[in-house]
Amino acid sequence: MEQAMTESEWAARRPAPPLQQSWAYGQAMAALGARPFWQGRVQGLARRGLRLVQRADLDAASARRLARHAGVTVVTAPLSGRGIVPLVTACHHAEWDLTPDPARLRAGLAGKWRNALRGSEGLALRQGGEAARNTLMARCAEQARQRGYRGLPEAFLHAWPGRCLLLHHSPGGEMAAAMLFLIHAGAATYHLGWTSPAGRAAGAHRAMLWQAALHLRDAGVVRLDLGAVDTGNPGLARFKLGTGAQIVPLGPTSLVLPM
C-alpha cells in the first residue's frame, strides 16, 4: 500500500478523476483528520480503522483485496458478488462532457434550456475571491440549516489546496446568486450554489453554469460533475440534464469483506 504520492504523480495515474479520487480531495481531507492512501489507481481515506473508498476504478476482486486489513472497508462503486454487502442504494450523477467546441456545447443544450439561457446571458457576472467565497458559504450554511441537510463542512473548502471557480451576480454590491466549482486536474465538480428570489427570477444560475462551462473548458477541464440526480427533486434534475449532461451510475455504497 503506497502511503505517499505527489500531485503530479497522482495526476499521471488519474488525469481527470472524480472529486473523491483527486489528489486535492485527499489533501483536504487529510487536513480534517483523515489519512489518504493509494493502491494502483485507487485513492482511499483511512480513519480509526475505517477505510473509505469512493468512486474508485476497481472491480470486486480488487475491493476484496483492499479490505484485507484490521478494520472495516466501505466502497462506493458499481460492485456486486461475494463479499460485497450493499449498505446504501446506488445514486447517479450528471456529468457534462466539456470537450466539444462551444458551438457544439450550445447545440447540445435542451431546447427549453437554451431558450431560457438567451434571456439571462446579459446578466453581469463576476469571478469572486475570498470575500465572495465567505459570503457564499454563509448563505449556503443558513440554507442548509433551514432545509435540514448537511454537506461537506466549511473547513473542507478552507483546506482545499486546488483551484476554484466562483461566479456571482451581485447587483448593487449585494450577492443575489453564486456558484462555486472545484477544479481537480482535468475535471471539475459543482460544490456550492445559492440564489435569492431575485437571482432565481433573473435566471442567474443558468447563465453562471453556462459561463462556468466555457471558462472551465478553456482551462483544460474535460468533464464537469454537476452532482446527484435525485428523482425527489425533478426540477433540479431537469436543470442539470438540460445542459446535455449524461447520467452516470455511481453504484451502491457497500461493506466489503476480505477474501
C-alpha atoms as a PDB file:
ATOM      1  CA  MET A   1       0.000   0.000   0.000  1.00  0.00           C
ATOM      2  CA  GLU A   2       1.560   3.287  -1.104  1.00  0.00           C
ATOM      3  CA  GLN A   3       1.471   5.911   1.640  1.00  0.00           C
ATOM      4  CA  ALA A   4       2.855   8.963  -0.176  1.00  0.00           C
ATOM      5  CA  MET A   5       2.003  10.465  -3.522  1.00  0.00           C
ATOM      6  CA  THR A   6       2.694  13.876  -5.017  1.00  0.00           C
ATOM      7  CA  GLU A   7       0.107  15.761  -7.025  1.00  0.00           C
ATOM      8  CA  SER A   8       1.987  15.267 -10.289  1.00  0.00           C
ATOM      9  CA  GLU A   9       2.474  11.537  -9.632  1.00  0.00           C
ATOM     10  CA  TRP A  10      -1.225  11.066  -8.951  1.00  0.00           C
ATOM     11  CA  ALA A  11      -2.281  13.189 -11.941  1.00  0.00           C
ATOM     12  CA  ALA A  12      -0.272  10.868 -14.182  1.00  0.00           C
ATOM     13  CA  ARG A  13      -2.422   7.978 -12.968  1.00  0.00           C
ATOM     14  CA  ARG A  14      -5.773   9.808 -12.872  1.00  0.00           C
ATOM     15  CA  PRO A  15      -5.617  12.787 -15.294  1.00  0.00           C
ATOM     16  CA  ALA A  16      -9.329  13.653 -14.961  1.00  0.00           C
ATOM     17  CA  PRO A  17     -10.505  11.985 -11.754  1.00  0.00           C
ATOM     18  CA  PRO A  18     -13.833  12.253  -9.941  1.00  0.00           C
ATOM     19  CA  LEU A  19     -13.604  14.603  -6.963  1.00  0.00           C
ATOM     20  CA  GLN A  20     -13.115  11.849  -4.365  1.00  0.00           C
ATOM     21  CA  GLN A  21     -10.292  10.337  -6.415  1.00  0.00           C
ATOM     22  CA  SER A  22      -8.432  13.623  -6.828  1.00  0.00           C
ATOM     23  CA  TRP A  23      -5.181  14.432  -5.054  1.00  0.00           C
ATOM     24  CA  ALA A  24      -6.616  17.743  -3.817  1.00  0.00           C
ATOM     25  CA  TYR A  25      -9.557  15.957  -2.158  1.00  0.00           C
ATOM     26  CA  GLY A  26      -7.220  13.605  -0.337  1.00  0.00           C
ATOM     27  CA  GLN A  27      -5.102  16.515   0.907  1.00  0.00           C
ATOM     28  CA  ALA A  28      -8.144  18.497   2.054  1.00  0.00           C
ATOM     29  CA  MET A  29      -9.497  15.500   3.945  1.00  0.00           C
ATOM     30  CA  ALA A  30      -6.059  14.937   5.483  1.00  0.00           C
ATOM     31  CA  ALA A  31      -6.299  18.456   6.920  1.00  0.00           C
ATOM     32  CA  LEU A  32      -9.575  17.356   8.535  1.00  0.00           C
ATOM     33  CA  GLY A  33      -8.008  14.324  10.180  1.00  0.00           C
ATOM     34  CA  ALA A  34      -8.210  11.515   7.616  1.00  0.00           C
ATOM     35  CA  ARG A  35      -5.206   9.669   6.172  1.00  0.00           C
ATOM     36  CA  PRO A  36      -5.192   9.296   2.384  1.00  0.00           C
ATOM     37  CA  PHE A  37      -3.698   6.118   0.936  1.00  0.00           C
ATOM     38  CA  TRP A  38      -3.133   4.864  -2.600  1.00  0.00           C
ATOM     39  CA  GLN A  39      -3.148   1.476  -4.273  1.00  0.00           C
ATOM     40  CA  GLY A  40      -2.649   1.490  -8.021  1.00  0.00           C
ATOM     41  CA  ARG A  41      -5.295   3.846  -9.444  1.00  0.00           C
ATOM     42  CA  VAL A  42      -7.327   3.909  -6.232  1.00  0.00           C
ATOM     43  CA  GLN A  43      -7.261   6.593  -3.543  1.00  0.00           C
ATOM     44  CA  GLY A  44      -8.922   5.967  -0.209  1.00  0.00           C
ATOM     45  CA  LEU A  45      -9.210   7.588   3.195  1.00  0.00           C
ATOM     46  CA  ALA A  46      -8.423   5.862   6.471  1.00  0.00           C
ATOM     47  CA  ARG A  47      -9.586   6.931   9.895  1.00  0.00           C
ATOM     48  CA  ARG A  48      -9.895   4.948  13.145  1.00  0.00           C
ATOM     49  CA  GLY A  49      -9.931   1.525  11.496  1.00  0.00           C
ATOM     50  CA  LEU A  50     -12.277   2.539   8.678  1.00  0.00           C
ATOM     51  CA  ARG A  51     -11.155   2.654   5.068  1.00  0.00           C
ATOM     52  CA  LEU A  52     -13.454   4.634   2.781  1.00  0.00           C
ATOM     53  CA  VAL A  53     -13.046   4.422  -0.985  1.00  0.00           C
ATOM     54  CA  GLN A  54     -15.382   6.482  -3.191  1.00  0.00           C
ATOM     55  CA  ARG A  55     -15.819   6.471  -6.964  1.00  0.00           C
ATOM     56  CA  ALA A  56     -12.795   4.262  -7.497  1.00  0.00           C
ATOM     57  CA  ASP A  57     -11.824   2.423 -10.650  1.00  0.00           C
ATOM     58  CA  LEU A  58     -11.809  -1.126  -9.249  1.00  0.00           C
ATOM     59  CA  ASP A  59     -13.607  -4.460  -9.520  1.00  0.00           C
ATOM     60  CA  ALA A  60     -14.969  -6.707  -6.774  1.00  0.00           C
ATOM     61  CA  ALA A  61     -11.802  -8.809  -6.539  1.00  0.00           C
ATOM     62  CA  SER A  62      -9.646  -5.682  -6.121  1.00  0.00           C
ATOM     63  CA  ALA A  63     -12.058  -4.332  -3.498  1.00  0.00           C
ATOM     64  CA  ARG A  64     -11.850  -7.575  -1.525  1.00  0.00           C
ATOM     65  CA  ARG A  65      -8.047  -7.397  -1.581  1.00  0.00           C
ATOM     66  CA  LEU A  66      -8.247  -3.774  -0.432  1.00  0.00           C
ATOM     67  CA  ALA A  67     -10.329  -4.920   2.542  1.00  0.00           C
ATOM     68  CA  ARG A  68      -7.553  -7.135   3.907  1.00  0.00           C
ATOM     69  CA  HIS A  69      -6.689  -5.022   6.924  1.00  0.00           C
ATOM     70  CA  ALA A  70      -7.581  -4.835  10.596  1.00  0.00           C
ATOM     71  CA  GLY A  71     -10.700  -2.739  10.211  1.00  0.00           C
ATOM     72  CA  VAL A  72     -13.734  -2.045   8.040  1.00  0.00           C
ATOM     73  CA  THR A  73     -13.687  -1.160   4.334  1.00  0.00           C
ATOM     74  CA  VAL A  74     -16.567   0.707   2.700  1.00  0.00           C
ATOM     75  CA  VAL A  75     -16.587   1.324  -1.051  1.00  0.00           C
ATOM     76  CA  THR A  76     -18.837   3.356  -3.340  1.00  0.00           C
ATOM     77  CA  ALA A  77     -18.634   1.744  -6.766  1.00  0.00           C
ATOM     78  CA  PRO A  78     -20.772  -0.399  -9.112  1.00  0.00           C
ATOM     79  CA  LEU A  79     -19.756  -3.675  -7.440  1.00  0.00           C
ATOM     80  CA  SER A  80     -21.545  -6.924  -6.663  1.00  0.00           C
ATOM     81  CA  GLY A  81     -20.660 -10.505  -5.824  1.00  0.00           C
ATOM     82  CA  ARG A  82     -19.106 -12.393  -2.945  1.00  0.00           C
ATOM     83  CA  GLY A  83     -18.107 -10.250  -0.014  1.00  0.00           C
ATOM     84  CA  ILE A  84     -19.951  -7.142  -1.260  1.00  0.00           C
ATOM     85  CA  VAL A  85     -22.704  -6.131   1.176  1.00  0.00           C
ATOM     86  CA  PRO A  86     -24.728  -3.090  -0.013  1.00  0.00           C
ATOM     87  CA  LEU A  87     -25.407  -0.524   2.715  1.00  0.00           C
ATOM     88  CA  VAL A  88     -26.780   2.445   0.743  1.00  0.00           C
ATOM     89  CA  THR A  89     -28.635   2.179  -2.572  1.00  0.00           C
ATOM     90  CA  ALA A  90     -26.946   3.349  -5.746  1.00  0.00           C
ATOM     91  CA  CYS A  91     -27.083   7.001  -6.729  1.00  0.00           C
ATOM     92  CA  HIS A  92     -26.483   8.724 -10.052  1.00  0.00           C
ATOM     93  CA  HIS A  93     -24.648  11.896 -11.011  1.00  0.00           C
ATOM     94  CA  ALA A  94     -24.962  14.214 -14.001  1.00  0.00           C
ATOM     95  CA  GLU A  95     -21.647  14.612 -15.811  1.00  0.00           C
ATOM     96  CA  TRP A  96     -21.185  17.152 -18.593  1.00  0.00           C
ATOM     97  CA  ASP A  97     -18.612  16.471 -21.301  1.00  0.00           C
ATOM     98  CA  LEU A  98     -16.857  19.782 -21.995  1.00  0.00           C
ATOM     99  CA  THR A  99     -14.626  18.574 -24.830  1.00  0.00           C
ATOM    100  CA  PRO A 100     -16.863  19.732 -27.742  1.00  0.00           C
ATOM    101  CA  ASP A 101     -16.263  23.253 -29.049  1.00  0.00           C
ATOM    102  CA  PRO A 102     -18.542  25.999 -27.654  1.00  0.00           C
ATOM    103  CA  ALA A 103     -20.892  25.902 -30.655  1.00  0.00           C
ATOM    104  CA  ARG A 104     -21.425  22.173 -30.237  1.00  0.00           C
ATOM    105  CA  LEU A 105     -21.796  22.568 -26.472  1.00  0.00           C
ATOM    106  CA  ARG A 106     -24.527  25.116 -27.048  1.00  0.00           C
ATOM    107  CA  ALA A 107     -26.209  22.915 -29.645  1.00  0.00           C
ATOM    108  CA  GLY A 108     -26.226  20.132 -27.048  1.00  0.00           C
ATOM    109  CA  LEU A 109     -28.361  22.160 -24.646  1.00  0.00           C
ATOM    110  CA  ALA A 110     -32.007  21.137 -24.395  1.00  0.00           C
ATOM    111  CA  GLY A 111     -34.221  23.493 -26.384  1.00  0.00           C
ATOM    112  CA  LYS A 112     -36.010  24.993 -23.379  1.00  0.00           C
ATOM    113  CA  TRP A 113     -32.710  25.320 -21.516  1.00  0.00           C
ATOM    114  CA  ARG A 114     -31.091  27.115 -24.447  1.00  0.00           C
ATOM    115  CA  ASN A 115     -34.079  29.444 -24.919  1.00  0.00           C
ATOM    116  CA  ALA A 116     -34.090  30.356 -21.230  1.00  0.00           C
ATOM    117  CA  LEU A 117     -30.347  30.989 -21.364  1.00  0.00           C
ATOM    118  CA  ARG A 118     -30.849  33.665 -24.014  1.00  0.00           C
ATOM    119  CA  GLY A 119     -32.896  35.653 -21.515  1.00  0.00           C
ATOM    120  CA  SER A 120     -30.184  35.610 -18.843  1.00  0.00           C
ATOM    121  CA  GLU A 121     -26.958  35.923 -20.827  1.00  0.00           C
ATOM    122  CA  GLY A 122     -26.872  39.701 -20.365  1.00  0.00           C
ATOM    123  CA  LEU A 123     -26.538  39.430 -16.584  1.00  0.00           C
ATOM    124  CA  ALA A 124     -23.437  40.929 -15.038  1.00  0.00           C
ATOM    125  CA  LEU A 125     -21.393  38.038 -13.679  1.00  0.00           C
ATOM    126  CA  ARG A 126     -18.096  38.356 -11.882  1.00  0.00           C
ATOM    127  CA  GLN A 127     -15.459  35.980 -10.622  1.00  0.00           C
ATOM    128  CA  GLY A 128     -15.161  36.119  -6.873  1.00  0.00           C
ATOM    129  CA  GLY A 129     -12.322  35.791  -4.392  1.00  0.00           C
ATOM    130  CA  GLU A 130     -12.158  35.082  -0.685  1.00  0.00           C
ATOM    131  CA  ALA A 131     -14.791  37.644   0.340  1.00  0.00           C
ATOM    132  CA  ALA A 132     -17.341  36.300  -2.145  1.00  0.00           C
ATOM    133  CA  ARG A 133     -16.494  32.741  -1.111  1.00  0.00           C
ATOM    134  CA  ASN A 134     -17.095  33.530   2.557  1.00  0.00           C
ATOM    135  CA  THR A 135     -20.407  35.206   1.754  1.00  0.00           C
ATOM    136  CA  LEU A 136     -21.484  32.211  -0.332  1.00  0.00           C
ATOM    137  CA  MET A 137     -20.507  29.757   2.400  1.00  0.00           C
ATOM    138  CA  ALA A 138     -22.503  31.718   4.979  1.00  0.00           C
ATOM    139  CA  ARG A 139     -25.594  31.826   2.738  1.00  0.00           C
ATOM    140  CA  CYS A 140     -25.294  28.091   1.985  1.00  0.00           C
ATOM    141  CA  ALA A 141     -24.860  27.232   5.678  1.00  0.00           C
ATOM    142  CA  GLU A 142     -28.004  29.151   6.562  1.00  0.00           C
ATOM    143  CA  GLN A 143     -29.909  27.492   3.734  1.00  0.00           C
ATOM    144  CA  ALA A 144     -28.747  24.052   4.929  1.00  0.00           C
ATOM    145  CA  ARG A 145     -29.958  24.773   8.450  1.00  0.00           C
ATOM    146  CA  GLN A 146     -33.338  25.911   7.178  1.00  0.00           C
ATOM    147  CA  ARG A 147     -33.802  22.892   4.905  1.00  0.00           C
ATOM    148  CA  GLY A 148     -32.261  20.328   7.221  1.00  0.00           C
ATOM    149  CA  TYR A 149     -29.469  18.864   5.115  1.00  0.00           C
ATOM    150  CA  ARG A 150     -25.714  18.549   5.547  1.00  0.00           C
ATOM    151  CA  GLY A 151     -22.807  18.519   3.125  1.00  0.00           C
ATOM    152  CA  LEU A 152     -19.060  18.774   3.455  1.00  0.00           C
ATOM    153  CA  PRO A 153     -18.094  21.153   6.294  1.00  0.00           C
ATOM    154  CA  GLU A 154     -16.874  24.671   5.607  1.00  0.00           C
ATOM    155  CA  ALA A 155     -13.462  23.551   6.851  1.00  0.00           C
ATOM    156  CA  PHE A 156     -13.152  21.359   3.765  1.00  0.00           C
ATOM    157  CA  LEU A 157     -13.254  24.356   1.448  1.00  0.00           C
ATOM    158  CA  HIS A 158     -10.797  26.274   3.634  1.00  0.00           C
ATOM    159  CA  ALA A 159      -8.432  23.282   3.379  1.00  0.00           C
ATOM    160  CA  TRP A 160      -8.910  22.757  -0.365  1.00  0.00           C
ATOM    161  CA  PRO A 161      -5.452  23.069  -1.994  1.00  0.00           C
ATOM    162  CA  GLY A 162      -6.642  23.090  -5.602  1.00  0.00           C
ATOM    163  CA  ARG A 163      -8.135  25.728  -7.859  1.00  0.00           C
ATOM    164  CA  CYS A 164     -11.704  27.030  -7.615  1.00  0.00           C
ATOM    165  CA  LEU A 165     -14.005  28.960  -9.887  1.00  0.00           C
ATOM    166  CA  LEU A 166     -16.586  31.175  -8.196  1.00  0.00           C
ATOM    167  CA  LEU A 167     -19.061  33.192 -10.258  1.00  0.00           C
ATOM    168  CA  HIS A 168     -21.530  35.571  -8.670  1.00  0.00           C
ATOM    169  CA  HIS A 169     -24.228  38.047  -9.625  1.00  0.00           C
ATOM    170  CA  SER A 170     -24.171  40.985  -7.210  1.00  0.00           C
ATOM    171  CA  PRO A 171     -26.168  43.973  -8.462  1.00  0.00           C
ATOM    172  CA  GLY A 172     -25.551  46.983  -6.253  1.00  0.00           C
ATOM    173  CA  GLY A 173     -22.831  45.080  -4.410  1.00  0.00           C
ATOM    174  CA  GLU A 174     -25.266  42.641  -2.757  1.00  0.00           C
ATOM    175  CA  MET A 175     -24.866  38.979  -3.719  1.00  0.00           C
ATOM    176  CA  ALA A 176     -28.007  37.725  -5.431  1.00  0.00           C
ATOM    177  CA  ALA A 177     -26.667  34.379  -6.661  1.00  0.00           C
ATOM    178  CA  ALA A 178     -23.395  32.482  -6.796  1.00  0.00           C
ATOM    179  CA  MET A 179     -21.894  29.146  -7.808  1.00  0.00           C
ATOM    180  CA  LEU A 180     -18.566  27.621  -6.814  1.00  0.00           C
ATOM    181  CA  PHE A 181     -16.757  24.826  -8.671  1.00  0.00           C
ATOM    182  CA  LEU A 182     -13.761  22.807  -7.521  1.00  0.00           C
ATOM    183  CA  ILE A 183     -11.136  22.100 -10.188  1.00  0.00           C
ATOM    184  CA  HIS A 184      -9.169  18.875  -9.802  1.00  0.00           C
ATOM    185  CA  ALA A 185      -6.704  18.058 -12.564  1.00  0.00           C
ATOM    186  CA  GLY A 186      -8.677  17.766 -15.820  1.00  0.00           C
ATOM    187  CA  ALA A 187     -12.096  17.601 -14.164  1.00  0.00           C
ATOM    188  CA  ALA A 188     -14.292  19.899 -12.076  1.00  0.00           C
ATOM    189  CA  THR A 189     -17.169  19.476  -9.652  1.00  0.00           C
ATOM    190  CA  TYR A 190     -20.047  21.765  -8.731  1.00  0.00           C
ATOM    191  CA  HIS A 191     -19.621  22.330  -4.988  1.00  0.00           C
ATOM    192  CA  LEU A 192     -21.807  25.186  -3.721  1.00  0.00           C
ATOM    193  CA  GLY A 193     -24.630  27.296  -5.065  1.00  0.00           C
ATOM    194  CA  TRP A 194     -27.086  29.788  -3.645  1.00  0.00           C
ATOM    195  CA  THR A 195     -29.634  32.190  -5.078  1.00  0.00           C
ATOM    196  CA  SER A 196     -32.032  34.783  -3.776  1.00  0.00           C
ATOM    197  CA  PRO A 197     -35.548  35.137  -5.219  1.00  0.00           C
ATOM    198  CA  ALA A 198     -34.219  37.980  -7.388  1.00  0.00           C
ATOM    199  CA  GLY A 199     -31.362  35.813  -8.652  1.00  0.00           C
ATOM    200  CA  ARG A 200     -33.769  32.989  -9.420  1.00  0.00           C
ATOM    201  CA  ALA A 201     -36.115  35.282 -11.304  1.00  0.00           C
ATOM    202  CA  ALA A 202     -33.191  36.573 -13.379  1.00  0.00           C
ATOM    203  CA  GLY A 203     -32.070  33.046 -14.293  1.00  0.00           C
ATOM    204  CA  ALA A 204     -28.661  33.737 -12.754  1.00  0.00           C
ATOM    205  CA  HIS A 205     -27.691  30.115 -12.163  1.00  0.00           C
ATOM    206  CA  ARG A 206     -28.358  29.188 -15.764  1.00  0.00           C
ATOM    207  CA  ALA A 207     -26.111  31.988 -17.009  1.00  0.00           C
ATOM    208  CA  MET A 208     -23.455  31.090 -14.427  1.00  0.00           C
ATOM    209  CA  LEU A 209     -23.416  27.416 -15.304  1.00  0.00           C
ATOM    210  CA  TRP A 210     -23.013  28.171 -18.997  1.00  0.00           C
ATOM    211  CA  GLN A 211     -20.223  30.676 -18.404  1.00  0.00           C
ATOM    212  CA  ALA A 212     -18.553  28.297 -15.961  1.00  0.00           C
ATOM    213  CA  ALA A 213     -18.582  25.542 -18.581  1.00  0.00           C
ATOM    214  CA  LEU A 214     -16.864  27.815 -21.100  1.00  0.00           C
ATOM    215  CA  HIS A 215     -14.314  29.049 -18.567  1.00  0.00           C
ATOM    216  CA  LEU A 216     -13.516  25.543 -17.326  1.00  0.00           C
ATOM    217  CA  ARG A 217     -13.209  24.228 -20.868  1.00  0.00           C
ATOM    218  CA  ASP A 218     -10.705  26.983 -21.669  1.00  0.00           C
ATOM    219  CA  ALA A 219      -8.777  25.984 -18.519  1.00  0.00           C
ATOM    220  CA  GLY A 220      -8.390  22.418 -19.791  1.00  0.00           C
ATOM    221  CA  VAL A 221     -11.246  20.781 -17.913  1.00  0.00           C
ATOM    222  CA  VAL A 222     -12.828  17.948 -19.907  1.00  0.00           C
ATOM    223  CA  ARG A 223     -15.641  16.900 -17.559  1.00  0.00           C
ATOM    224  CA  LEU A 224     -17.895  18.772 -15.137  1.00  0.00           C
ATOM    225  CA  ASP A 225     -19.706  16.811 -12.415  1.00  0.00           C
ATOM    226  CA  LEU A 226     -22.991  18.562 -11.636  1.00  0.00           C
ATOM    227  CA  GLY A 227     -23.804  16.332  -8.684  1.00  0.00           C
ATOM    228  CA  ALA A 228     -26.555  13.896  -7.824  1.00  0.00           C
ATOM    229  CA  VAL A 229     -29.626  13.419  -9.988  1.00  0.00           C
ATOM    230  CA  ASP A 230     -32.417  12.996  -7.452  1.00  0.00           C
ATOM    231  CA  THR A 231     -35.849  11.818  -8.587  1.00  0.00           C
ATOM    232  CA  GLY A 232     -37.217  13.528  -5.477  1.00  0.00           C
ATOM    233  CA  ASN A 233     -36.272  16.897  -6.989  1.00  0.00           C
ATOM    234  CA  PRO A 234     -37.296  16.630 -10.661  1.00  0.00           C
ATOM    235  CA  GLY A 235     -36.884  20.360 -11.325  1.00  0.00           C
ATOM    236  CA  LEU A 236     -33.228  20.311 -10.317  1.00  0.00           C
ATOM    237  CA  ALA A 237     -32.669  17.086 -12.256  1.00  0.00           C
ATOM    238  CA  ARG A 238     -34.120  18.691 -15.397  1.00  0.00           C
ATOM    239  CA  PHE A 239     -31.886  21.731 -14.884  1.00  0.00           C
ATOM    240  CA  LYS A 240     -28.747  19.583 -14.720  1.00  0.00           C
ATOM    241  CA  LEU A 241     -29.669  17.270 -17.574  1.00  0.00           C
ATOM    242  CA  GLY A 242     -30.796  20.193 -19.730  1.00  0.00           C
ATOM    243  CA  THR A 243     -27.124  21.033 -20.240  1.00  0.00           C
ATOM    244  CA  GLY A 244     -26.681  17.802 -22.176  1.00  0.00           C
ATOM    245  CA  ALA A 245     -25.034  16.119 -19.190  1.00  0.00           C
ATOM    246  CA  GLN A 246     -25.233  12.342 -19.059  1.00  0.00           C
ATOM    247  CA  ILE A 247     -26.433  10.267 -16.114  1.00  0.00           C
ATOM    248  CA  VAL A 248     -23.561   8.255 -14.626  1.00  0.00           C
ATOM    249  CA  PRO A 249     -24.336   5.443 -12.140  1.00  0.00           C
ATOM    250  CA  LEU A 250     -22.025   5.539  -9.133  1.00  0.00           C
ATOM    251  CA  GLY A 251     -23.115   2.198  -7.732  1.00  0.00           C
ATOM    252  CA  PRO A 252     -24.125   1.446  -4.148  1.00  0.00           C
ATOM    253  CA  THR A 253     -22.100   2.120  -1.018  1.00  0.00           C
ATOM    254  CA  SER A 254     -21.096  -1.313   0.241  1.00  0.00           C
ATOM    255  CA  LEU A 255     -19.292  -3.006   3.080  1.00  0.00           C
ATOM    256  CA  VAL A 256     -16.505  -5.100   1.559  1.00  0.00           C
ATOM    257  CA  LEU A 257     -15.439  -8.313   3.264  1.00  0.00           C
ATOM    258  CA  PRO A 258     -11.857  -9.501   2.829  1.00  0.00           C
ATOM    259  CA  MET A 259     -11.485 -12.734   0.861  1.00  0.00           C
END
